[in-house]
C-alpha atoms as a PDB file:
ATOM      1  CA  UNK A   1      61.394  17.639  -3.635  1.00  0.00           C
ATOM      2  CA  UNK A   2      59.106  15.098  -5.669  1.00  0.00           C
ATOM      3  CA  UNK A   3      55.920  16.876  -7.066  1.00  0.00           C
ATOM      4  CA  UNK A   4      54.478  13.434  -7.371  1.00  0.00           C
ATOM      5  CA  UNK A   5      51.803  12.192  -5.135  1.00  0.00           C
ATOM      6  CA  UNK A   6      52.139   8.594  -3.313  1.00  0.00           C
ATOM      7  CA  UNK A   7      50.840   5.764  -5.901  1.00  0.00           C
ATOM      8  CA  UNK A   8      48.217   4.683  -3.523  1.00  0.00           C
ATOM      9  CA  UNK A   9      44.647   5.123  -3.444  1.00  0.00           C
ATOM     10  CA  UNK A  10      42.953   7.683  -1.548  1.00  0.00           C
ATOM     11  CA  UNK A  11      39.547   8.730  -0.217  1.00  0.00           C
ATOM     12  CA  UNK A  12      38.102  10.719  -2.695  1.00  0.00           C
ATOM     13  CA  UNK A  13      35.938  13.946  -0.637  1.00  0.00           C
ATOM     14  CA  UNK A  14      32.923  14.434  -1.851  1.00  0.00           C
ATOM     15  CA  UNK A  15      30.145  16.639   0.184  1.00  0.00           C
ATOM     16  CA  UNK A  16      26.448  16.006  -1.026  1.00  0.00           C
ATOM     17  CA  UNK A  17      24.913  19.325  -1.230  1.00  0.00           C
ATOM     18  CA  UNK A  18      21.571  19.257  -3.150  1.00  0.00           C
ATOM     19  CA  UNK A  19      18.640  17.433  -1.781  1.00  0.00           C
ATOM     20  CA  UNK A  20      14.966  17.209  -2.557  1.00  0.00           C
ATOM     21  CA  UNK A  21      13.152  16.253   0.631  1.00  0.00           C
ATOM     22  CA  UNK A  22       9.205  15.743   0.637  1.00  0.00           C
ATOM     23  CA  UNK A  23       6.738  14.345   2.326  1.00  0.00           C
ATOM     24  CA  UNK A  24       3.012  14.580   3.255  1.00  0.00           C
ATOM     25  CA  UNK A  25       1.937  17.551   5.679  1.00  0.00           C
ATOM     26  CA  UNK A  26       3.148  17.621   8.936  1.00  0.00           C
ATOM     27  CA  UNK A  27       5.596  14.612   8.369  1.00  0.00           C
ATOM     28  CA  UNK A  28       8.647  16.304   9.256  1.00  0.00           C
ATOM     29  CA  UNK A  29      10.316  17.287   5.943  1.00  0.00           C
ATOM     30  CA  UNK A  30      10.663  21.284   6.794  1.00  0.00           C
ATOM     31  CA  UNK A  31      11.686  20.605  10.395  1.00  0.00           C
ATOM     32  CA  UNK A  32      14.386  18.063   8.680  1.00  0.00           C
ATOM     33  CA  UNK A  33      15.673  20.739   6.093  1.00  0.00           C
ATOM     34  CA  UNK A  34      15.945  23.363   8.993  1.00  0.00           C
ATOM     35  CA  UNK A  35      18.440  21.097  10.848  1.00  0.00           C
ATOM     36  CA  UNK A  36      20.769  21.696   8.265  1.00  0.00           C
ATOM     37  CA  UNK A  37      23.406  24.358   9.306  1.00  0.00           C
ATOM     38  CA  UNK A  38      22.664  28.220   8.752  1.00  0.00           C
ATOM     39  CA  UNK A  39      19.287  27.962   6.817  1.00  0.00           C
ATOM     40  CA  UNK A  40      17.238  30.605   4.981  1.00  0.00           C
ATOM     41  CA  UNK A  41      14.169  29.568   3.745  1.00  0.00           C
ATOM     42  CA  UNK A  42      12.396  30.818   0.741  1.00  0.00           C
ATOM     43  CA  UNK A  43       8.650  30.148   1.718  1.00  0.00           C
ATOM     44  CA  UNK A  44       5.465  29.879  -0.364  1.00  0.00           C
ATOM     45  CA  UNK A  45       2.786  29.494   2.188  1.00  0.00           C
ATOM     46  CA  UNK A  46       3.368  33.098   3.324  1.00  0.00           C
ATOM     47  CA  UNK A  47       4.101  32.262   6.859  1.00  0.00           C
ATOM     48  CA  UNK A  48       7.497  33.580   6.945  1.00  0.00           C
ATOM     49  CA  UNK A  49       6.480  35.387  10.479  1.00  0.00           C
ATOM     50  CA  UNK A  50       5.628  32.096  11.886  1.00  0.00           C
ATOM     51  CA  UNK A  51       8.931  30.571  11.278  1.00  0.00           C
ATOM     52  CA  UNK A  52      11.981  30.438  13.861  1.00  0.00           C
ATOM     53  CA  UNK A  53      13.984  29.721  10.788  1.00  0.00           C
ATOM     54  CA  UNK A  54      15.384  33.240   9.062  1.00  0.00           C
ATOM     55  CA  UNK A  55      13.021  32.994   6.301  1.00  0.00           C
ATOM     56  CA  UNK A  56      11.512  35.347   3.082  1.00  0.00           C
ATOM     57  CA  UNK A  57       7.795  35.359   1.611  1.00  0.00           C
ATOM     58  CA  UNK A  58       8.195  34.535  -2.037  1.00  0.00           C
ATOM     59  CA  UNK A  59       5.491  35.371  -4.361  1.00  0.00           C
ATOM     60  CA  UNK A  60       4.319  38.516  -6.856  1.00  0.00           C
ATOM     61  CA  UNK A  61       4.016  41.963  -5.912  1.00  0.00           C
ATOM     62  CA  UNK A  62       0.987  43.513  -7.333  1.00  0.00           C
ATOM     63  CA  UNK A  63      -0.470  46.786  -8.139  1.00  0.00           C
ATOM     64  CA  UNK A  64      -3.587  48.063  -6.716  1.00  0.00           C
ATOM     65  CA  UNK A  65      -5.207  46.618 -10.308  1.00  0.00           C
ATOM     66  CA  UNK A  66      -3.952  43.143  -9.173  1.00  0.00           C
ATOM     67  CA  UNK A  67      -1.125  43.537 -11.480  1.00  0.00           C
ATOM     68  CA  UNK A  68       1.901  42.210 -11.189  1.00  0.00           C
ATOM     69  CA  UNK A  69       4.729  44.779  -9.972  1.00  0.00           C
ATOM     70  CA  UNK A  70       7.668  42.450  -9.085  1.00  0.00           C
ATOM     71  CA  UNK A  71       7.393  38.879 -10.185  1.00  0.00           C
ATOM     72  CA  UNK A  72       8.557  36.218  -7.786  1.00  0.00           C
ATOM     73  CA  UNK A  73      11.224  35.343 -10.290  1.00  0.00           C
ATOM     74  CA  UNK A  74      12.696  38.593  -9.983  1.00  0.00           C
ATOM     75  CA  UNK A  75      12.261  38.307  -6.586  1.00  0.00           C
ATOM     76  CA  UNK A  76      14.208  35.038  -6.740  1.00  0.00           C
ATOM     77  CA  UNK A  77      17.248  36.191  -8.768  1.00  0.00           C
ATOM     78  CA  UNK A  78      17.681  39.056  -6.659  1.00  0.00           C
ATOM     79  CA  UNK A  79      18.007  36.762  -3.424  1.00  0.00           C
ATOM     80  CA  UNK A  80      20.506  34.465  -5.165  1.00  0.00           C
ATOM     81  CA  UNK A  81      22.626  37.461  -6.685  1.00  0.00           C
ATOM     82  CA  UNK A  82      22.855  38.487  -3.151  1.00  0.00           C
ATOM     83  CA  UNK A  83      23.521  35.120  -1.986  1.00  0.00           C
ATOM     84  CA  UNK A  84      26.032  34.343  -4.339  1.00  0.00           C
ATOM     85  CA  UNK A  85      27.515  37.662  -4.487  1.00  0.00           C
ATOM     86  CA  UNK A  86      27.681  39.335  -0.981  1.00  0.00           C
ATOM     87  CA  UNK A  87      29.171  37.914   2.591  1.00  0.00           C
ATOM     88  CA  UNK A  88      26.849  36.132   4.665  1.00  0.00           C
ATOM     89  CA  UNK A  89      26.726  33.962   7.286  1.00  0.00           C
ATOM     90  CA  UNK A  90      23.820  31.511   5.217  1.00  0.00           C
ATOM     91  CA  UNK A  91      24.806  28.056   4.829  1.00  0.00           C
ATOM     92  CA  UNK A  92      21.527  26.304   3.252  1.00  0.00           C
ATOM     93  CA  UNK A  93      18.918  27.085   0.947  1.00  0.00           C
ATOM     94  CA  UNK A  94      15.199  26.107   1.335  1.00  0.00           C
ATOM     95  CA  UNK A  95      12.657  26.024  -1.415  1.00  0.00           C
ATOM     96  CA  UNK A  96       9.873  25.646   0.261  1.00  0.00           C
ATOM     97  CA  UNK A  97       8.122  24.454  -1.778  1.00  0.00           C
ATOM     98  CA  UNK A  98       9.333  23.941  -5.399  1.00  0.00           C
ATOM     99  CA  UNK A  99       5.980  22.994  -6.630  1.00  0.00           C
ATOM    100  CA  UNK A 100       4.368  26.527  -5.643  1.00  0.00           C
ATOM    101  CA  UNK A 101       7.670  28.266  -6.912  1.00  0.00           C
ATOM    102  CA  UNK A 102       6.928  26.619 -10.678  1.00  0.00           C
ATOM    103  CA  UNK A 103       2.965  27.225 -10.092  1.00  0.00           C
ATOM    104  CA  UNK A 104       4.129  31.555  -9.950  1.00  0.00           C
ATOM    105  CA  UNK A 105       6.539  30.797 -13.098  1.00  0.00           C
ATOM    106  CA  UNK A 106       3.565  30.061 -14.783  1.00  0.00           C
ATOM    107  CA  UNK A 107       1.427  32.617 -13.280  1.00  0.00           C
ATOM    108  CA  UNK A 108       3.537  35.415 -14.253  1.00  0.00           C
ATOM    109  CA  UNK A 109       3.548  33.987 -18.016  1.00  0.00           C
ATOM    110  CA  UNK A 110       0.034  33.656 -18.302  1.00  0.00           C
ATOM    111  CA  UNK A 111      -0.443  36.862 -17.022  1.00  0.00           C
ATOM    112  CA  UNK A 112       1.972  38.674 -19.455  1.00  0.00           C
ATOM    113  CA  UNK A 113       0.496  37.217 -22.071  1.00  0.00           C
ATOM    114  CA  UNK A 114      -2.938  37.533 -20.977  1.00  0.00           C
ATOM    115  CA  UNK A 115      -4.283  33.690 -21.474  1.00  0.00           C
ATOM    116  CA  UNK A 116      -5.687  31.044 -19.194  1.00  0.00           C
ATOM    117  CA  UNK A 117      -2.830  28.824 -19.316  1.00  0.00           C
ATOM    118  CA  UNK A 118       0.644  28.302 -20.549  1.00  0.00           C
ATOM    119  CA  UNK A 119      -0.510  26.120 -23.458  1.00  0.00           C
ATOM    120  CA  UNK A 120      -2.681  28.915 -24.948  1.00  0.00           C
ATOM    121  CA  UNK A 121       0.267  30.722 -26.106  1.00  0.00           C
ATOM    122  CA  UNK A 122       0.851  29.471 -29.812  1.00  0.00           C
ATOM    123  CA  UNK A 123       3.469  26.942 -31.262  1.00  0.00           C
ATOM    124  CA  UNK A 124       4.015  26.290 -27.996  1.00  0.00           C
ATOM    125  CA  UNK A 125       6.262  29.523 -26.601  1.00  0.00           C
ATOM    126  CA  UNK A 126       4.583  29.486 -22.931  1.00  0.00           C
ATOM    127  CA  UNK A 127       5.811  25.670 -22.466  1.00  0.00           C
ATOM    128  CA  UNK A 128       8.993  26.458 -23.627  1.00  0.00           C
ATOM    129  CA  UNK A 129       9.074  29.926 -21.614  1.00  0.00           C
ATOM    130  CA  UNK A 130       8.376  27.791 -18.420  1.00  0.00           C
ATOM    131  CA  UNK A 131      10.287  25.159 -18.902  1.00  0.00           C
ATOM    132  CA  UNK A 132      14.101  27.524 -19.308  1.00  0.00           C
ATOM    133  CA  UNK A 133      12.792  29.133 -16.242  1.00  0.00           C
ATOM    134  CA  UNK A 134      12.639  26.587 -14.352  1.00  0.00           C
ATOM    135  CA  UNK A 135      16.192  25.030 -15.574  1.00  0.00           C
ATOM    136  CA  UNK A 136      17.566  28.551 -15.523  1.00  0.00           C
ATOM    137  CA  UNK A 137      16.525  28.613 -11.548  1.00  0.00           C
ATOM    138  CA  UNK A 138      17.481  24.860 -10.921  1.00  0.00           C
ATOM    139  CA  UNK A 139      20.884  25.763 -12.593  1.00  0.00           C
ATOM    140  CA  UNK A 140      21.673  28.783 -10.553  1.00  0.00           C
ATOM    141  CA  UNK A 141      20.686  27.105  -7.382  1.00  0.00           C
ATOM    142  CA  UNK A 142      23.704  24.591  -8.256  1.00  0.00           C
ATOM    143  CA  UNK A 143      25.814  26.874  -9.065  1.00  0.00           C
ATOM    144  CA  UNK A 144      25.615  28.861  -5.697  1.00  0.00           C
ATOM    145  CA  UNK A 145      25.955  25.824  -4.051  1.00  0.00           C
ATOM    146  CA  UNK A 146      29.314  24.905  -6.278  1.00  0.00           C
ATOM    147  CA  UNK A 147      31.010  28.172  -5.918  1.00  0.00           C
ATOM    148  CA  UNK A 148      29.478  29.262  -2.354  1.00  0.00           C
ATOM    149  CA  UNK A 149      29.537  25.378  -0.618  1.00  0.00           C
ATOM    150  CA  UNK A 150      25.652  25.964   0.267  1.00  0.00           C
ATOM    151  CA  UNK A 151      22.966  23.526   0.566  1.00  0.00           C
ATOM    152  CA  UNK A 152      20.260  23.448  -1.509  1.00  0.00           C
ATOM    153  CA  UNK A 153      16.926  21.822  -0.446  1.00  0.00           C
ATOM    154  CA  UNK A 154      14.095  21.746  -2.638  1.00  0.00           C
ATOM    155  CA  UNK A 155      11.063  20.866  -0.955  1.00  0.00           C
ATOM    156  CA  UNK A 156       7.809  18.935  -2.461  1.00  0.00           C
ATOM    157  CA  UNK A 157       4.551  17.646  -1.339  1.00  0.00           C
ATOM    158  CA  UNK A 158       3.534  13.784  -1.609  1.00  0.00           C
ATOM    159  CA  UNK A 159       1.438  11.936  -3.691  1.00  0.00           C
ATOM    160  CA  UNK A 160       0.322   8.348  -2.769  1.00  0.00           C
ATOM    161  CA  UNK A 161       0.029   5.830  -5.836  1.00  0.00           C
ATOM    162  CA  UNK A 162      -2.370   2.620  -5.288  1.00  0.00           C
ATOM    163  CA  UNK A 163      -0.976   0.213  -7.840  1.00  0.00           C
ATOM    164  CA  UNK A 164      -1.173  -3.637  -7.965  1.00  0.00           C
ATOM    165  CA  UNK A 165      -2.263  -3.897  -4.809  1.00  0.00           C
ATOM    166  CA  UNK A 166       0.551  -1.887  -3.445  1.00  0.00           C
ATOM    167  CA  UNK A 167       0.955   1.851  -2.263  1.00  0.00           C
ATOM    168  CA  UNK A 168       3.857   3.948  -3.615  1.00  0.00           C
ATOM    169  CA  UNK A 169       5.030   7.515  -2.269  1.00  0.00           C
ATOM    170  CA  UNK A 170       6.745  10.097  -4.756  1.00  0.00           C
ATOM    171  CA  UNK A 171       6.710  13.542  -4.693  1.00  0.00           C
ATOM    172  CA  UNK A 172       3.602  15.878  -5.630  1.00  0.00           C
ATOM    173  CA  UNK A 173       6.149  17.761  -8.505  1.00  0.00           C
ATOM    174  CA  UNK A 174       5.302  16.793 -11.688  1.00  0.00           C
ATOM    175  CA  UNK A 175       7.675  14.187 -13.304  1.00  0.00           C
ATOM    176  CA  UNK A 176       8.424  17.003 -15.846  1.00  0.00           C
ATOM    177  CA  UNK A 177      10.198  19.322 -13.234  1.00  0.00           C
ATOM    178  CA  UNK A 178      10.943  16.353 -11.255  1.00  0.00           C
ATOM    179  CA  UNK A 179      13.925  15.451 -13.921  1.00  0.00           C
ATOM    180  CA  UNK A 180      15.203  18.553 -14.186  1.00  0.00           C
ATOM    181  CA  UNK A 181      15.050  19.318 -10.107  1.00  0.00           C
ATOM    182  CA  UNK A 182      16.227  15.714  -9.248  1.00  0.00           C
ATOM    183  CA  UNK A 183      18.829  15.674 -12.402  1.00  0.00           C
ATOM    184  CA  UNK A 184      20.826  18.045 -10.386  1.00  0.00           C
ATOM    185  CA  UNK A 185      20.385  17.026  -6.738  1.00  0.00           C
ATOM    186  CA  UNK A 186      22.432  14.326  -4.901  1.00  0.00           C
ATOM    187  CA  UNK A 187      19.606  12.881  -2.334  1.00  0.00           C
ATOM    188  CA  UNK A 188      15.953  12.572  -2.949  1.00  0.00           C
ATOM    189  CA  UNK A 189      14.563  11.899   0.827  1.00  0.00           C
ATOM    190  CA  UNK A 190      11.145  10.506   1.757  1.00  0.00           C
ATOM    191  CA  UNK A 191       9.961  11.989   4.815  1.00  0.00           C
ATOM    192  CA  UNK A 192       6.835   9.702   6.231  1.00  0.00           C
ATOM    193  CA  UNK A 193       4.759  10.008  10.092  1.00  0.00           C
ATOM    194  CA  UNK A 194       4.263   6.367  11.096  1.00  0.00           C
ATOM    195  CA  UNK A 195       2.156   6.929  14.327  1.00  0.00           C
ATOM    196  CA  UNK A 196       4.154   9.014  16.602  1.00  0.00           C
ATOM    197  CA  UNK A 197       7.456   8.033  15.185  1.00  0.00           C
ATOM    198  CA  UNK A 198       9.329   9.575  11.929  1.00  0.00           C
ATOM    199  CA  UNK A 199      11.108   8.150   9.451  1.00  0.00           C
ATOM    200  CA  UNK A 200      13.342   9.230   6.491  1.00  0.00           C
ATOM    201  CA  UNK A 201      14.400   7.396   3.850  1.00  0.00           C
ATOM    202  CA  UNK A 202      16.393   7.463   0.962  1.00  0.00           C
ATOM    203  CA  UNK A 203      14.377   7.128  -2.635  1.00  0.00           C
ATOM    204  CA  UNK A 204      17.151   7.461  -4.926  1.00  0.00           C
ATOM    205  CA  UNK A 205      21.003   9.361  -4.527  1.00  0.00           C
ATOM    206  CA  UNK A 206      23.552  10.231  -7.579  1.00  0.00           C
ATOM    207  CA  UNK A 207      26.310   8.069  -6.642  1.00  0.00           C
ATOM    208  CA  UNK A 208      27.095   5.502  -3.421  1.00  0.00           C
ATOM    209  CA  UNK A 209      28.100   7.964  -1.056  1.00  0.00           C
ATOM    210  CA  UNK A 210      30.342   6.907   2.346  1.00  0.00           C
ATOM    211  CA  UNK A 211      30.798   8.644   5.860  1.00  0.00           C
ATOM    212  CA  UNK A 212      34.658   8.991   4.643  1.00  0.00           C
ATOM    213  CA  UNK A 213      33.265  10.715   1.395  1.00  0.00           C
ATOM    214  CA  UNK A 214      31.917  13.738   3.437  1.00  0.00           C
ATOM    215  CA  UNK A 215      34.124  16.110   4.525  1.00  0.00           C
ATOM    216  CA  UNK A 216      31.468  17.914   6.188  1.00  0.00           C
ATOM    217  CA  UNK A 217      30.505  16.874   9.546  1.00  0.00           C
ATOM    218  CA  UNK A 218      27.062  18.131   9.893  1.00  0.00           C
ATOM    219  CA  UNK A 219      25.885  16.883   6.649  1.00  0.00           C
ATOM    220  CA  UNK A 220      27.309  13.321   7.966  1.00  0.00           C
ATOM    221  CA  UNK A 221      25.225  13.809  11.028  1.00  0.00           C
ATOM    222  CA  UNK A 222      22.313  14.489   9.401  1.00  0.00           C
ATOM    223  CA  UNK A 223      22.519  11.740   6.878  1.00  0.00           C
ATOM    224  CA  UNK A 224      23.133   9.031   9.728  1.00  0.00           C
ATOM    225  CA  UNK A 225      19.328   9.432  10.736  1.00  0.00           C
ATOM    226  CA  UNK A 226      18.469   8.808   7.271  1.00  0.00           C
ATOM    227  CA  UNK A 227      17.765   5.121   6.479  1.00  0.00           C
ATOM    228  CA  UNK A 228      20.089   4.016   3.023  1.00  0.00           C
ATOM    229  CA  UNK A 229      22.075   6.900   2.932  1.00  0.00           C
ATOM    230  CA  UNK A 230      25.137   4.908   2.923  1.00  0.00           C
ATOM    231  CA  UNK A 231      23.888   1.729   1.209  1.00  0.00           C
ATOM    232  CA  UNK A 232      25.610   0.687  -1.363  1.00  0.00           C
ATOM    233  CA  UNK A 233      23.679  -0.268  -5.339  1.00  0.00           C
ATOM    234  CA  UNK A 234      23.634  -4.064  -5.237  1.00  0.00           C
ATOM    235  CA  UNK A 235      24.951  -5.268  -8.337  1.00  0.00           C
ATOM    236  CA  UNK A 236      22.940  -7.506 -10.765  1.00  0.00           C
ATOM    237  CA  UNK A 237      23.947 -10.994 -11.849  1.00  0.00           C
ATOM    238  CA  UNK A 238      23.782 -11.830 -15.737  1.00  0.00           C
ATOM    239  CA  UNK A 239      20.826 -14.236 -14.590  1.00  0.00           C
ATOM    240  CA  UNK A 240      18.944 -11.918 -12.471  1.00  0.00           C
ATOM    241  CA  UNK A 241      19.177  -9.393 -15.140  1.00  0.00           C
ATOM    242  CA  UNK A 242      17.514 -11.732 -17.314  1.00  0.00           C
ATOM    243  CA  UNK A 243      14.831 -12.230 -15.003  1.00  0.00           C
ATOM    244  CA  UNK A 244      13.603  -8.832 -14.193  1.00  0.00           C
ATOM    245  CA  UNK A 245      13.881  -8.230 -18.421  1.00  0.00           C
ATOM    246  CA  UNK A 246      11.662 -11.280 -18.797  1.00  0.00           C
ATOM    247  CA  UNK A 247       9.219  -9.977 -15.932  1.00  0.00           C
ATOM    248  CA  UNK A 248       8.979  -6.629 -17.651  1.00  0.00           C
ATOM    249  CA  UNK A 249       8.399  -7.773 -21.386  1.00  0.00           C
ATOM    250  CA  UNK A 250       6.043  -9.743 -19.622  1.00  0.00           C
ATOM    251  CA  UNK A 251       4.353  -7.147 -17.375  1.00  0.00           C
ATOM    252  CA  UNK A 252       4.309  -4.762 -21.145  1.00  0.00           C
ATOM    253  CA  UNK A 253       2.554  -7.961 -23.237  1.00  0.00           C
ATOM    254  CA  UNK A 254      -0.151  -7.875 -20.456  1.00  0.00           C
ATOM    255  CA  UNK A 255      -0.211  -4.376 -20.625  1.00  0.00           C
ATOM    256  CA  UNK A 256      -0.808  -4.286 -24.303  1.00  0.00           C
ATOM    257  CA  UNK A 257      -3.407  -7.228 -24.240  1.00  0.00           C
ATOM    258  CA  UNK A 258      -5.357  -5.085 -21.808  1.00  0.00           C
ATOM    259  CA  UNK A 259      -5.281  -2.035 -23.595  1.00  0.00           C
ATOM    260  CA  UNK A 260      -6.127  -3.871 -26.512  1.00  0.00           C
ATOM    261  CA  UNK A 261      -9.240  -5.603 -24.519  1.00  0.00           C
ATOM    262  CA  UNK A 262     -10.115  -1.891 -23.545  1.00  0.00           C
ATOM    263  CA  UNK A 263     -10.161  -0.434 -27.193  1.00  0.00           C
ATOM    264  CA  UNK A 264     -11.880  -3.394 -28.822  1.00  0.00           C
ATOM    265  CA  UNK A 265     -14.579  -3.050 -25.838  1.00  0.00           C
ATOM    266  CA  UNK A 266     -14.724   0.401 -26.515  1.00  0.00           C
ATOM    267  CA  UNK A 267     -15.083   0.008 -30.669  1.00  0.00           C
ATOM    268  CA  UNK A 268     -18.005  -2.294 -29.521  1.00  0.00           C
ATOM    269  CA  UNK A 269     -20.033  -0.419 -27.493  1.00  0.00           C
ATOM    270  CA  UNK A 270     -19.340   2.833 -29.393  1.00  0.00           C
ATOM    271  CA  UNK A 271     -21.940   1.545 -32.260  1.00  0.00           C
ATOM    272  CA  UNK A 272     -24.238   0.582 -29.915  1.00  0.00           C
ATOM    273  CA  UNK A 273     -24.179   4.296 -28.204  1.00  0.00           C
ATOM    274  CA  UNK A 274     -24.130   6.086 -31.409  1.00  0.00           C
ATOM    275  CA  UNK A 275     -27.461   3.552 -32.431  1.00  0.00           C
ATOM    276  CA  UNK A 276     -29.132   4.342 -29.038  1.00  0.00           C
ATOM    277  CA  UNK A 277     -28.371   8.036 -29.790  1.00  0.00           C
ATOM    278  CA  UNK A 278     -29.777   8.146 -33.089  1.00  0.00           C
ATOM    279  CA  UNK A 279     -32.783   6.034 -31.640  1.00  0.00           C
ATOM    280  CA  UNK A 280     -32.863   8.773 -28.709  1.00  0.00           C
ATOM    281  CA  UNK A 281     -33.012  11.372 -31.630  1.00  0.00           C
ATOM    282  CA  UNK A 282     -35.666   9.982 -33.702  1.00  0.00           C
ATOM    283  CA  UNK A 283     -38.013   9.371 -31.250  1.00  0.00           C
ATOM    284  CA  UNK A 284     -37.737  12.940 -30.055  1.00  0.00           C
ATOM    285  CA  UNK A 285     -38.743  13.854 -33.726  1.00  0.00           C
ATOM    286  CA  UNK A 286     -41.367  11.600 -33.944  1.00  0.00           C
ATOM    287  CA  UNK A 287     -42.815  13.487 -30.551  1.00  0.00           C
ATOM    288  CA  UNK A 288     -42.595  16.924 -31.643  1.00  0.00           C
ATOM    289  CA  UNK A 289     -44.697  15.666 -35.297  1.00  0.00           C
ATOM    290  CA  UNK A 290     -46.676  13.940 -33.237  1.00  0.00           C
ATOM    291  CA  UNK A 291     -47.243  16.825 -31.129  1.00  0.00           C
ATOM    292  CA  UNK A 292     -47.745  19.089 -34.197  1.00  0.00           C
ATOM    293  CA  UNK A 293     -50.392  16.786 -35.814  1.00  0.00           C
ATOM    294  CA  UNK A 294     -52.533  16.857 -32.562  1.00  0.00           C
ATOM    295  CA  UNK A 295     -52.482  20.849 -32.605  1.00  0.00           C
ATOM    296  CA  UNK A 296     -53.531  20.640 -35.907  1.00  0.00           C
ATOM    297  CA  UNK A 297     -56.708  18.467 -35.260  1.00  0.00           C
ATOM    298  CA  UNK A 298     -57.254  20.270 -32.229  1.00  0.00           C
ATOM    299  CA  UNK A 299     -57.535  23.362 -33.892  1.00  0.00           C
ATOM    300  CA  UNK A 300     -60.243  21.953 -36.756  1.00  0.00           C
ATOM    301  CA  UNK A 301     -62.227  20.553 -34.235  1.00  0.00           C
ATOM    302  CA  UNK A 302     -63.110  23.518 -32.361  1.00  0.00           C
ATOM    303  CA  UNK A 303     -65.873  25.567 -33.765  1.00  0.00           C
ATOM    304  CA  UNK A 304     -65.164  29.097 -35.189  1.00  0.00           C
ATOM    305  CA  UNK A 305     -66.693  31.530 -33.320  1.00  0.00           C
ATOM    306  CA  UNK A 306     -69.284  33.795 -34.538  1.00  0.00           C
ATOM    307  CA  UNK A 307     -67.966  37.569 -34.896  1.00  0.00           C
ATOM    308  CA  UNK A 308     -70.603  39.835 -32.538  1.00  0.00           C
ATOM    309  CA  UNK A 309     -73.698  41.192 -33.941  1.00  0.00           C
ATOM    310  CA  UNK A 310     -73.417  44.564 -34.319  1.00  0.00           C
ATOM    311  CA  UNK A 311     -75.375  47.027 -31.904  1.00  0.00           C
ATOM    312  CA  UNK A 312     -78.976  48.997 -33.545  1.00  0.00           C
ATOM    313  CA  UNK A 313     -80.447  51.555 -31.476  1.00  0.00           C
END
């Protein structure tokens, strides 16, 4: 029997397992994530007991003096170790929310170093330590997804940006951390509530997934409810690419001129501001000198009191 496969193309099987889901409060992001099979919710809001889904509260364990006794990072490491190294029935792990997890990491670093912010730690070591903690956390979850075929969901809140008379919705997670999380995810999905209806929309994805590629029926059904989940990326023609590049250059030039005009305006107003400040300073000095001279004149005008006469018997 020949070991060679048939010389024909086949549909590659690749199921997306890592997701970023973000949206406003009560916009359905947690509800959507809990529709994934057999979820475990790692919750940072402290309301794990109020959630029907199996969940754990994520936070620092502190002693009576408020000192961290067991950090959130140690707790998360222990949870991931157990998910990866033991037999269990969970198929999905939800980080709810990733913004707070990174804040907990930052608290751990600053309190250990006895500083206010990570930037207070010399030589940028605080920022380096925080970035390493975030990267290790994300990579461990990605490893869990690959080895145990578990779905990993990062939930983030919503920021609204008004720019050029247009409104855009982005994750509240800082761009630095979003690059790490999103770079290790397959889909980024926005959840919005419009009136009484809910919208789920793909904002970015790793590749053009199709229903035939996904061998997990539950994931397929969930993605069926997301706008753009199976849309193909549109190719850009050479003329369109040139047009887009020209528009981008034009916009960059306009932004450059606007910054130059703003800087020139600041340079023009700065001497005037300094002159006003100097004039005000001189005015106060003159007032002080005048008050001093007035006091001296008053002292000279007042007659000197005669000493009391001695009492004679």
